[in-house]
Amino acid sequence: MSEGVVIIGGGQAGFQVAASLRAEGYAEPIRLIAAEKHPPYQRPPLSKAFLLGKMDKARLLFRQPAFYEAQAIDLFLGERAEAIDPAARTVRTASGRTLTYDRLVLATGTRVRPLPVAGTGLGGVVYLRTIEESEALAERIAAAGRVVVIGGGFIGLEVAAAVRMLGRPVTVLEAADRPMGRVVAPVISRFFADLHRERGVELIVNARIARLEGEDGRVRTVVMEDGTRHPADLVVIGIGVVPNVELAQAAGLACADGIVVDEHGRTSAPFIHAAGECTSHPSRFAGGRVRLESVQNAVDQAKAVAAAILGRDEPYDAVPWFWSDQYEIKLQMVGISRGHDREVVRGDPASGRFSVFYFKDGRLIAIDSVNRPSDHMTGRKLLATGTSLTPAEAADGAFDLKAAVGR
């Protein structure tokens, strides 16, 4: 009797592997181990619609519980995998259960990066990663006198936007010299910095935090290295994530800023695959290996893993794309701009609708669009087909981008 597939991880990638296998006719057992007690659910809304009360728990779920029963996908919820034995093809869980597999899929995701200063254990200091944390944060925002968000990346700015939309004052402390500085051009950073300040956010860059101070076990102040003090009765930390690779490392799998996989999601160990933001995979769009934190990456890489398990070689080669919603503004990103040597703006930032095209050695490698969905969708096609586009054409608002696809 076949032991089927065991999947460790109940996020987007883990769900997608299971759903794709069943959709494509895989008839052997599928068992999915998830540390959280909920069926697999979406994480992006936790800092946006769900935090604002515009989405309920049922809509967060990828599928309702009946789907898993109908598809014979066994969920082990509230269970944590503790060890993998690649030779015996077994997984041991924290409850003492041992599962044997024909194929194992690691979709272990990421965890929040801790802030390395004193005081983070005080009451009122929170991170955002789970449903429960989002629910608790919404309650705390409603009761907060002053909120401080540490981190000016996507999560930090999305939370700050939600705080303002919920009517509370908020300060954002960003260590770099501009928000979202690792991933977007200066013109986009300026646009969003101005947007947040116009909405009442106190946004401080080059912020170096010394410690958090409190009274009676609760946070009261964020103290900076220069002695500046920011009062706070709620501190939200959003300074990035780290991949969950410990299980893989302990089992002897190759890891380097993620579990190392090939274009089919195969790891260095036979019969073990990995997918999602815990993986480091080869990408022509990155010019080498990359670890991506996006829904698109999780879905498309998971589909490639399912295909490999089914005996088909369908390499993961999808164009990466990302998005962020802040207030009524949508930022959509396609490609990977890392290493670019030229930026070209299409449209007028003052209008609130513009795009930035990134080039490297004269070749288009990425596009970031602010409230210009047509540029984004066309950009996916331009990058997927490797269409030659010049900086002058990108900057010319009269030039038909769609007509250039595939030329």
Protein backbone atom coordinates (compact mmCIF):
# COMPACT_ATOMS: atom_id res chain seq x y z
CA MET A 1 0.00 0.00 0.00
CA SER A 2 1.27 3.46 -0.89
CA GLU A 3 2.10 5.81 1.96
CA GLY A 4 1.32 8.76 -0.28
CA VAL A 5 2.37 12.35 0.37
CA VAL A 6 2.99 14.07 3.68
CA ILE A 7 3.01 17.86 3.63
CA ILE A 8 4.49 19.86 6.49
CA GLY A 9 3.00 23.35 6.57
CA GLY A 10 -0.54 24.69 6.35
CA GLY A 11 0.10 27.91 4.46
CA GLN A 12 -0.44 28.83 0.83
CA ALA A 13 2.20 26.47 -0.55
CA GLY A 14 1.19 23.46 1.53
CA PHE A 15 -2.46 23.90 0.62
CA GLN A 16 -1.67 24.35 -3.05
CA VAL A 17 0.39 21.16 -3.29
CA ALA A 18 -2.47 19.15 -1.79
CA ALA A 19 -5.16 20.80 -3.91
CA SER A 20 -3.13 20.48 -7.14
CA LEU A 21 -2.39 16.80 -6.53
CA ARG A 22 -6.06 15.97 -6.07
CA ALA A 23 -7.14 18.18 -9.00
CA GLU A 24 -4.74 16.28 -11.26
CA GLY A 25 -5.93 12.85 -10.25
CA TYR A 26 -3.49 11.80 -7.50
CA ALA A 27 -5.34 9.03 -5.65
CA GLU A 28 -2.91 8.09 -2.88
CA PRO A 29 -3.11 9.37 0.73
CA ILE A 30 -2.39 13.04 1.39
CA ARG A 31 -1.70 14.15 4.94
CA LEU A 32 -1.08 17.78 5.82
CA ILE A 33 0.52 18.77 9.15
CA ALA A 34 -0.24 22.34 10.29
CA ALA A 35 1.00 23.91 13.50
CA GLU A 36 -2.01 26.22 13.70
CA LYS A 37 -5.45 24.96 14.66
CA HIS A 38 -7.16 26.54 11.64
CA PRO A 39 -7.51 24.97 8.20
CA PRO A 40 -5.09 26.61 5.74
CA TYR A 41 -5.83 30.32 5.30
CA GLN A 42 -4.62 33.49 3.59
CA ARG A 43 -2.09 35.64 5.43
CA PRO A 44 -2.01 38.88 3.38
CA PRO A 45 -5.42 40.11 4.65
CA LEU A 46 -4.22 39.87 8.27
CA SER A 47 -2.54 43.29 7.93
CA LYS A 48 -5.27 44.73 5.71
CA ALA A 49 -8.93 43.70 5.27
CA PHE A 50 -9.12 41.26 8.19
CA LEU A 51 -7.39 43.69 10.55
CA LEU A 52 -9.90 46.37 9.51
CA GLY A 53 -12.86 44.07 10.10
CA LYS A 54 -13.75 43.94 6.40
CA MET A 55 -13.19 40.18 6.11
CA ASP A 56 -14.32 37.39 8.43
CA LYS A 57 -12.57 34.14 9.27
CA ALA A 58 -14.61 32.07 6.85
CA ARG A 59 -13.43 34.20 3.92
CA LEU A 60 -9.84 33.88 5.06
CA LEU A 61 -9.88 30.13 4.53
CA PHE A 62 -8.67 28.80 1.17
CA ARG A 63 -11.39 26.15 1.40
CA GLN A 64 -14.02 25.26 3.97
CA PRO A 65 -13.48 22.08 6.05
CA ALA A 66 -15.86 20.07 3.85
CA PHE A 67 -13.43 20.42 0.94
CA TYR A 68 -10.72 18.45 2.74
CA GLU A 69 -13.13 15.69 3.66
CA ALA A 70 -14.45 15.45 0.10
CA GLN A 71 -10.92 15.40 -1.32
CA ALA A 72 -9.64 12.87 1.24
CA ILE A 73 -6.95 15.28 2.48
CA ASP A 74 -6.22 14.46 6.10
CA LEU A 75 -5.51 17.57 8.17
CA PHE A 76 -3.43 17.27 11.33
CA LEU A 77 -4.21 20.69 12.81
CA GLY A 78 -2.47 22.07 15.89
CA GLU A 79 0.29 19.54 15.25
CA ARG A 80 3.98 20.30 14.90
CA ALA A 81 6.51 18.21 13.00
CA GLU A 82 9.59 17.64 15.14
CA ALA A 83 11.91 15.44 13.09
CA ILE A 84 12.37 13.93 9.64
CA ASP A 85 14.17 10.67 8.91
CA PRO A 86 14.95 10.70 5.17
CA ALA A 87 16.32 7.15 5.21
CA ALA A 88 13.22 5.68 6.86
CA ARG A 89 10.93 8.18 5.11
CA THR A 90 9.19 9.15 8.33
CA VAL A 91 8.06 12.32 10.08
CA ARG A 92 7.74 12.44 13.86
CA THR A 93 5.37 14.97 15.39
CA ALA A 94 5.32 16.68 18.78
CA SER A 95 2.42 14.48 19.89
CA GLY A 96 4.49 11.36 19.26
CA ARG A 97 2.80 10.38 16.02
CA THR A 98 5.01 8.88 13.27
CA LEU A 99 3.91 9.30 9.65
CA THR A 100 5.53 7.36 6.83
CA TYR A 101 5.66 8.89 3.36
CA ASP A 102 6.47 8.07 -0.24
CA ARG A 103 7.04 11.77 -0.90
CA LEU A 104 7.50 14.54 1.63
CA VAL A 105 6.83 18.23 0.94
CA LEU A 106 8.30 20.90 3.20
CA ALA A 107 6.17 24.04 3.11
CA THR A 108 7.31 25.34 6.47
CA GLY A 109 7.14 29.02 5.56
CA THR A 110 8.71 31.75 7.66
CA ARG A 111 8.46 33.28 11.13
CA VAL A 112 8.75 36.86 12.28
CA ARG A 113 12.19 38.31 12.79
CA PRO A 114 12.58 39.35 16.45
CA LEU A 115 13.68 42.85 17.37
CA PRO A 116 17.06 42.45 19.15
CA VAL A 117 16.65 45.05 21.90
CA ALA A 118 15.63 44.96 25.56
CA GLY A 119 11.99 45.28 26.45
CA THR A 120 10.32 43.27 23.68
CA GLY A 121 8.81 40.95 26.28
CA LEU A 122 6.69 43.74 27.78
CA GLY A 123 2.92 43.61 27.48
CA GLY A 124 1.64 45.55 24.50
CA VAL A 125 4.59 44.57 22.28
CA VAL A 126 3.25 42.43 19.44
CA TYR A 127 4.09 40.84 16.12
CA LEU A 128 1.65 39.98 13.32
CA ARG A 129 1.66 36.55 11.71
CA THR A 130 -1.48 34.62 12.69
CA ILE A 131 -5.26 35.03 12.83
CA GLU A 132 -5.15 35.29 16.61
CA GLU A 133 -2.47 37.99 16.47
CA SER A 134 -4.50 40.00 13.95
CA GLU A 135 -7.66 39.71 16.05
CA ALA A 136 -5.80 40.75 19.20
CA LEU A 137 -4.13 43.63 17.38
CA ALA A 138 -7.48 45.02 16.21
CA GLU A 139 -8.74 45.03 19.79
CA ARG A 140 -5.57 46.66 21.07
CA ILE A 141 -5.61 49.35 18.38
CA ALA A 142 -9.15 50.30 19.37
CA ALA A 143 -8.03 50.80 22.99
CA ALA A 144 -4.60 52.31 22.29
CA GLY A 145 -3.62 55.85 23.13
CA ARG A 146 -0.51 55.82 20.96
CA VAL A 147 0.71 53.12 18.56
CA VAL A 148 4.30 52.76 17.43
CA VAL A 149 5.10 50.55 14.45
CA ILE A 150 8.71 49.43 14.17
CA GLY A 151 9.56 48.76 10.53
CA GLY A 152 8.67 50.68 7.38
CA GLY A 153 8.34 47.76 4.99
CA PHE A 154 5.12 46.37 3.57
CA ILE A 155 3.75 44.95 6.82
CA GLY A 156 4.68 47.99 8.90
CA LEU A 157 3.11 50.46 6.47
CA GLU A 158 0.01 48.33 5.95
CA VAL A 159 -0.50 48.15 9.71
CA ALA A 160 0.11 51.90 10.04
CA ALA A 161 -2.51 52.56 7.35
CA ALA A 162 -4.98 50.33 9.20
CA VAL A 163 -4.29 52.12 12.49
CA ARG A 164 -5.04 55.49 10.90
CA MET A 165 -8.16 54.12 9.19
CA LEU A 166 -9.28 52.92 12.63
CA GLY A 167 -8.79 56.45 13.95
CA ARG A 168 -5.78 56.03 16.20
CA PRO A 169 -2.47 57.97 16.20
CA VAL A 170 0.61 56.11 15.01
CA THR A 171 4.36 56.57 14.65
CA VAL A 172 6.41 54.49 12.21
CA LEU A 173 10.11 54.00 12.95
CA GLU A 174 12.20 52.85 9.99
CA ALA A 175 15.91 52.07 10.35
CA ALA A 176 16.74 52.83 6.69
CA ASP A 177 16.72 56.24 5.07
CA ARG A 178 13.38 55.63 3.32
CA PRO A 179 10.38 53.29 3.66
CA MET A 180 10.37 50.07 1.62
CA GLY A 181 13.90 51.03 0.61
CA ARG A 182 15.10 47.47 -0.05
CA VAL A 183 12.55 46.82 -2.77
CA VAL A 184 11.31 50.03 -4.44
CA ALA A 185 12.76 53.10 -6.15
CA PRO A 186 13.18 56.37 -4.24
CA VAL A 187 10.26 57.97 -6.11
CA ILE A 188 7.92 55.26 -4.80
CA SER A 189 9.33 55.57 -1.28
CA ARG A 190 8.71 59.35 -1.40
CA PHE A 191 5.18 58.85 -2.69
CA PHE A 192 4.25 56.50 0.14
CA ALA A 193 6.09 58.55 2.78
CA ASP A 194 4.10 61.62 1.70
CA LEU A 195 0.88 59.59 1.60
CA HIS A 196 1.30 58.37 5.17
CA ARG A 197 2.29 61.77 6.49
CA GLU A 198 -0.72 63.35 4.80
CA ARG A 199 -2.91 60.79 6.58
CA GLY A 200 -1.44 61.76 9.94
CA VAL A 201 1.30 59.15 10.40
CA GLU A 202 4.48 60.33 12.09
CA LEU A 203 7.07 58.63 9.89
CA ILE A 204 10.67 58.72 11.11
CA VAL A 205 13.54 57.29 9.05
CA ASN A 206 17.12 56.50 10.08
CA ALA A 207 15.57 55.41 13.36
CA ARG A 208 17.89 53.51 15.68
CA ILE A 209 16.11 51.88 18.60
CA ALA A 210 17.97 51.38 21.87
CA ARG A 211 15.30 49.71 24.00
CA LEU A 212 11.66 49.56 25.01
CA GLU A 213 10.69 50.72 28.48
CA GLY A 214 7.56 50.03 30.47
CA GLU A 215 5.68 50.29 33.73
CA ASP A 216 3.92 47.49 35.58
CA GLY A 217 4.96 45.06 32.91
CA ARG A 218 3.50 47.04 29.99
CA VAL A 219 5.31 49.03 27.32
CA ARG A 220 5.22 52.80 27.69
CA THR A 221 8.14 54.17 25.67
CA VAL A 222 10.35 53.41 22.69
CA VAL A 223 13.79 54.85 23.43
CA MET A 224 16.08 55.74 20.53
CA GLU A 225 19.87 55.62 20.49
CA ASP A 226 19.99 59.43 20.35
CA GLY A 227 17.86 59.63 23.48
CA THR A 228 14.59 60.52 21.76
CA ARG A 229 11.59 58.94 23.44
CA HIS A 230 8.37 57.93 21.70
CA PRO A 231 5.43 57.24 24.02
CA ALA A 232 3.54 54.05 23.19
CA ASP A 233 1.05 51.74 24.82
CA LEU A 234 1.07 49.47 21.79
CA VAL A 235 4.17 48.56 19.77
CA VAL A 236 3.87 46.51 16.57
CA ILE A 237 7.12 45.00 15.30
CA GLY A 238 7.36 44.27 11.59
CA ILE A 239 11.01 44.01 10.58
CA GLY A 240 10.84 41.03 8.28
CA VAL A 241 10.83 37.26 8.52
CA VAL A 242 13.27 34.36 8.58
CA PRO A 243 12.74 31.01 6.80
CA ASN A 244 11.85 27.95 8.85
CA VAL A 245 14.66 25.61 7.81
CA GLU A 246 15.48 23.89 11.11
CA LEU A 247 13.67 20.64 10.28
CA ALA A 248 15.43 20.46 6.93
CA GLN A 249 18.83 21.26 8.40
CA ALA A 250 18.48 18.64 11.12
CA ALA A 251 17.63 16.07 8.44
CA GLY A 252 20.79 16.95 6.50
CA LEU A 253 19.17 18.86 3.64
CA ALA A 254 21.12 21.65 1.94
CA CYS A 255 20.03 25.09 3.15
CA ALA A 256 21.20 28.61 2.29
CA ASP A 257 18.76 31.40 3.19
CA GLY A 258 16.09 28.79 2.68
CA ILE A 259 15.85 25.13 1.76
CA VAL A 260 17.81 24.68 -1.45
CA VAL A 261 15.65 23.29 -4.26
CA ASP A 262 15.89 22.90 -8.03
CA GLU A 263 13.40 24.18 -10.60
CA HIS A 264 11.07 21.27 -9.75
CA GLY A 265 11.14 21.89 -6.00
CA ARG A 266 13.38 18.89 -5.32
CA THR A 267 15.65 19.19 -2.30
CA SER A 268 19.08 17.60 -1.87
CA ALA A 269 17.42 14.52 -0.31
CA PRO A 270 15.60 11.88 -2.39
CA PHE A 271 11.78 11.90 -2.19
CA ILE A 272 11.71 15.27 -0.39
CA HIS A 273 10.41 18.45 -2.05
CA ALA A 274 9.92 21.97 -0.73
CA ALA A 275 7.83 24.95 -1.81
CA GLY A 276 7.03 28.50 -0.78
CA GLU A 277 8.91 31.16 1.10
CA CYS A 278 11.04 28.64 2.98
CA THR A 279 12.87 27.78 -0.26
CA SER A 280 15.84 29.11 -2.19
CA HIS A 281 15.25 28.37 -5.86
CA PRO A 282 16.93 29.20 -9.19
CA SER A 283 15.30 32.08 -11.06
CA ARG A 284 16.19 33.65 -14.39
CA PHE A 285 14.38 36.77 -13.17
CA ALA A 286 16.77 37.08 -10.24
CA GLY A 287 19.85 36.03 -12.20
CA GLY A 288 20.55 33.25 -9.71
CA ARG A 289 19.06 31.83 -6.55
CA VAL A 290 16.39 33.74 -4.68
CA ARG A 291 13.97 33.29 -1.80
CA LEU A 292 10.64 35.00 -2.42
CA GLU A 293 7.90 35.93 0.02
CA SER A 294 4.75 36.14 -2.08
CA VAL A 295 1.48 34.40 -2.80
CA GLN A 296 2.47 34.01 -6.46
CA ASN A 297 5.69 32.21 -5.58
CA ALA A 298 3.95 29.86 -3.16
CA VAL A 299 1.19 28.96 -5.63
CA ASP A 300 3.30 28.51 -8.75
CA GLN A 301 6.16 26.69 -7.07
CA ALA A 302 3.68 24.37 -5.33
CA LYS A 303 2.14 23.51 -8.69
CA ALA A 304 5.60 22.59 -10.01
CA VAL A 305 6.15 20.35 -6.97
CA ALA A 306 2.80 18.63 -7.53
CA ALA A 307 3.74 18.03 -11.17
CA ALA A 308 7.08 16.53 -10.14
CA ILE A 309 5.38 14.18 -7.69
CA LEU A 310 3.06 13.10 -10.50
CA GLY A 311 6.08 12.31 -12.67
CA ARG A 312 5.95 15.33 -14.95
CA ASP A 313 8.77 17.81 -15.45
CA GLU A 314 7.17 21.26 -15.40
CA PRO A 315 9.88 23.59 -14.11
CA TYR A 316 8.92 26.58 -12.01
CA ASP A 317 9.69 29.58 -14.20
CA ALA A 318 6.85 32.02 -13.44
CA VAL A 319 7.33 35.78 -13.41
CA PRO A 320 7.43 36.92 -9.76
CA TRP A 321 4.84 39.46 -8.68
CA PHE A 322 3.81 41.09 -5.42
CA TRP A 323 1.39 43.70 -4.11
CA SER A 324 0.63 45.96 -1.16
CA ASP A 325 -2.58 47.83 -0.28
CA GLN A 326 -2.20 51.01 1.79
CA TYR A 327 -5.32 53.16 2.24
CA GLU A 328 -6.92 53.27 -1.23
CA ILE A 329 -3.55 52.94 -2.97
CA LYS A 330 -2.45 49.67 -4.58
CA LEU A 331 1.23 49.02 -5.25
CA GLN A 332 1.78 46.18 -7.72
CA MET A 333 5.24 44.85 -8.47
CA VAL A 334 6.44 42.45 -11.15
CA GLY A 335 9.93 41.11 -11.66
CA ILE A 336 12.91 41.57 -9.34
CA SER A 337 14.54 45.00 -9.41
CA ARG A 338 17.59 44.02 -7.39
CA GLY A 339 20.77 45.03 -9.19
CA HIS A 340 19.11 47.48 -11.59
CA ASP A 341 21.18 50.34 -12.98
CA ARG A 342 18.44 52.58 -14.38
CA GLU A 343 14.94 53.67 -13.35
CA VAL A 344 12.37 55.24 -15.68
CA VAL A 345 9.09 56.80 -14.51
CA ARG A 346 5.96 56.44 -16.64
CA GLY A 347 3.14 58.76 -15.62
CA ASP A 348 3.07 61.54 -13.03
CA PRO A 349 3.56 60.67 -9.34
CA ALA A 350 1.60 63.80 -8.43
CA SER A 351 -1.46 62.25 -10.06
CA GLY A 352 -1.25 59.19 -7.82
CA ARG A 353 -0.98 56.93 -10.88
CA PHE A 354 2.46 56.04 -12.18
CA SER A 355 4.92 53.21 -12.76
CA VAL A 356 8.66 52.76 -12.41
CA PHE A 357 10.44 50.58 -14.99
CA TYR A 358 13.76 49.07 -13.89
CA PHE A 359 16.53 48.24 -16.35
CA LYS A 360 19.82 46.39 -16.04
CA ASP A 361 22.36 46.58 -18.87
CA GLY A 362 19.59 47.99 -21.05
CA ARG A 363 17.21 45.10 -20.32
CA LEU A 364 13.86 45.48 -18.57
CA ILE A 365 13.89 43.47 -15.32
CA ALA A 366 11.01 44.82 -13.20
CA ILE A 367 8.07 47.22 -13.04
CA ASP A 368 6.45 48.76 -9.95
CA SER A 369 3.02 50.32 -10.51
CA VAL A 370 1.02 52.64 -8.28
CA ASN A 371 -2.69 52.51 -9.17
CA ARG A 372 -1.84 51.54 -12.77
CA PRO A 373 -3.05 47.93 -13.04
CA SER A 374 -2.76 47.91 -16.83
CA ASP A 375 0.99 48.58 -16.62
CA HIS A 376 1.32 45.74 -14.12
CA MET A 377 -0.60 43.18 -16.16
CA THR A 378 1.22 44.13 -19.35
CA GLY A 379 4.49 44.04 -17.41
CA ARG A 380 3.92 40.38 -16.53
CA LYS A 381 3.67 39.57 -20.22
CA LEU A 382 6.67 41.73 -21.16
CA LEU A 383 8.89 39.97 -18.63
CA ALA A 384 7.56 36.48 -19.31
CA THR A 385 8.26 36.81 -23.03
CA GLY A 386 11.56 38.62 -22.59
CA THR A 387 10.30 41.45 -24.78
CA SER A 388 12.88 44.08 -25.65
CA LEU A 389 11.74 47.47 -24.38
CA THR A 390 13.86 50.61 -24.31
CA PRO A 391 13.89 53.13 -21.47
CA ALA A 392 12.62 55.80 -23.88
CA GLU A 393 9.63 53.63 -24.83
CA ALA A 394 8.86 52.92 -21.19
CA ALA A 395 8.89 56.63 -20.32
CA ASP A 396 6.72 57.63 -23.30
CA GLY A 397 3.12 57.64 -22.13
CA ALA A 398 1.93 57.50 -25.73
CA PHE A 399 3.85 54.31 -26.48
CA ASP A 400 1.60 51.22 -26.58
CA LEU A 401 3.11 48.75 -24.13
CA LYS A 402 0.62 46.02 -25.03
CA ALA A 403 1.57 46.17 -28.70
CA ALA A 404 5.22 45.58 -27.74
CA VAL A 405 4.58 42.23 -26.03
CA GLY A 406 6.44 39.42 -27.76
CA ARG A 407 7.77 41.52 -30.61
